[in-house]
Amino acid sequence: VGAGTLNISLGATSFDVDIVAGQNNTLAGIRDAINDDANNPGITASILTVSDGAGGTVSK
């Protein structure tokens, strides 16, 4: 994963998560950055592992 800013919205509320190369630019780092953000309105990010080994993130 590269670097940049993720803008995440829930209804009328949104927040930005900064992704920094070498710091939090892995799936686990992005998940943690979303979950730990002080402006997060209640979104929980998780990493899913499916039977073929591919992973991804999901927010709910």
Protein backbone atom coordinates (compact mmCIF):
# COMPACT_ATOMS: atom_id res chain seq x y z
CA VAL A 1 0.00 0.00 0.00
CA GLY A 2 1.27 3.48 -0.79
CA ALA A 3 0.88 6.68 1.18
CA GLY A 4 -1.83 9.33 1.24
CA THR A 5 -5.03 10.27 2.99
CA LEU A 6 -8.17 8.15 3.34
CA ASN A 7 -11.41 10.06 3.80
CA ILE A 8 -13.99 7.90 5.54
CA SER A 9 -17.64 8.95 5.87
CA LEU A 10 -20.52 7.72 7.98
CA GLY A 11 -23.68 9.65 7.22
CA ALA A 12 -22.91 13.36 7.49
CA THR A 13 -19.75 12.73 9.54
CA SER A 14 -16.36 12.16 7.94
CA PHE A 15 -12.75 11.96 9.07
CA ASP A 16 -9.35 11.68 7.41
CA VAL A 17 -6.77 9.00 8.13
CA ASP A 18 -3.20 9.74 7.07
CA ILE A 19 -1.32 6.74 5.66
CA VAL A 20 2.46 7.15 5.93
CA ALA A 21 4.89 4.91 4.03
CA GLY A 22 6.93 2.80 6.41
CA GLN A 23 4.70 3.58 9.40
CA ASN A 24 1.10 2.48 8.92
CA ASN A 25 0.85 1.49 5.25
CA THR A 26 0.11 -2.20 5.82
CA LEU A 27 -3.38 -3.67 6.13
CA ALA A 28 -2.90 -3.95 9.89
CA GLY A 29 -1.56 -0.40 10.08
CA ILE A 30 -4.50 1.02 8.11
CA ARG A 31 -6.97 -0.94 10.24
CA ASP A 32 -5.38 0.37 13.42
CA ALA A 33 -5.23 3.94 12.11
CA ILE A 34 -8.97 3.85 11.32
CA ASN A 35 -9.92 2.27 14.64
CA ASP A 36 -7.67 4.53 16.75
CA ASP A 37 -8.51 7.86 15.09
CA ALA A 38 -9.85 10.37 17.64
CA ASN A 39 -12.43 11.64 15.11
CA ASN A 40 -13.77 8.18 14.23
CA PRO A 41 -17.57 8.28 14.79
CA GLY A 42 -17.82 4.56 15.56
CA ILE A 43 -16.52 2.77 12.47
CA THR A 44 -14.65 -0.47 13.14
CA ALA A 45 -12.19 -1.72 10.52
CA SER A 46 -11.19 -5.39 10.43
CA ILE A 47 -8.94 -7.59 8.32
CA LEU A 48 -10.62 -10.57 6.70
CA THR A 49 -8.82 -13.68 5.52
CA VAL A 50 -10.75 -15.72 2.99
CA SER A 51 -10.17 -19.35 2.04
CA ASP A 52 -7.85 -18.52 -0.88
CA GLY A 53 -5.59 -16.46 1.41
CA ALA A 54 -6.51 -13.05 0.01
CA GLY A 55 -7.08 -10.35 2.60
CA GLY A 56 -8.90 -7.07 2.71
CA THR A 57 -10.39 -4.55 5.07
CA VAL A 58 -13.99 -4.02 5.93
CA SER A 59 -15.60 -1.27 7.93
CA LYS A 60 -18.94 -1.50 9.62
